Protein backbone atom coordinates (compact mmCIF):
# COMPACT_ATOMS: atom_id res chain seq x y z
CA MET A 1 0.00 0.00 0.00
CA LEU A 2 2.76 2.44 0.94
CA TRP A 3 4.71 1.61 -2.23
CA THR A 4 1.63 2.32 -4.35
CA ILE A 5 1.22 5.74 -2.76
CA ILE A 6 4.92 6.48 -3.26
CA ILE A 7 4.79 5.55 -6.94
CA ILE A 8 1.64 7.61 -7.53
CA LEU A 9 3.16 10.65 -5.81
CA LEU A 10 6.40 10.29 -7.76
CA VAL A 11 4.50 10.19 -11.04
CA LEU A 12 2.41 13.22 -10.04
CA TRP A 13 5.58 15.02 -8.96
CA LEU A 14 7.22 14.38 -12.32
CA VAL A 15 4.08 15.55 -14.15
CA GLY A 16 4.06 18.62 -11.91
CA LEU A 17 7.65 19.41 -12.84
CA ILE A 18 6.80 19.24 -16.53
CA GLY A 19 3.34 20.79 -16.56
CA GLN A 20 3.32 22.92 -13.39
CA ILE A 21 0.38 20.94 -12.01
CA GLY A 22 -0.09 20.74 -8.26
CA GLY A 23 2.52 23.32 -7.33
CA GLY A 24 3.81 23.18 -3.78
CA LEU A 25 1.19 20.73 -2.55
CA ILE A 26 2.63 17.77 -4.43
CA ASN A 27 6.11 18.64 -3.17
CA LEU A 28 4.82 18.74 0.39
CA LEU A 29 3.08 15.38 -0.02
CA LEU A 30 6.23 13.87 -1.52
CA ILE A 31 8.31 15.03 1.44
CA VAL A 32 5.76 13.59 3.88
CA VAL A 33 5.77 10.23 2.10
CA LEU A 34 9.58 10.13 2.01
CA VAL A 35 9.73 10.82 5.76
CA LEU A 36 7.20 8.05 6.40
CA LEU A 37 9.22 5.69 4.21
CA VAL A 38 12.42 6.42 6.12
CA ILE A 39 10.66 5.92 9.46
CA ARG A 40 9.22 2.63 8.22
CA LEU A 41 12.58 1.37 6.93
CA LEU A 42 14.46 2.23 10.10
CA PRO A 43 14.36 -0.56 12.65
CA GLY A 44 11.94 0.28 15.42
CA ARG A 45 12.65 -0.05 19.11
CA LYS A 46 11.94 -3.45 20.55
CA LYS A 47 9.96 -3.42 23.78
């Protein structure tokens, strides 16, 4: 599910770079998804 969202946002980001669609919102969403991806990939604390 997370990978699907990442791919969709990357495609929209590339389209936004070419066609100026989405502006700053797509960049903000891309940053949020990248942060979530990094948090998910880092090993969590074990309780």
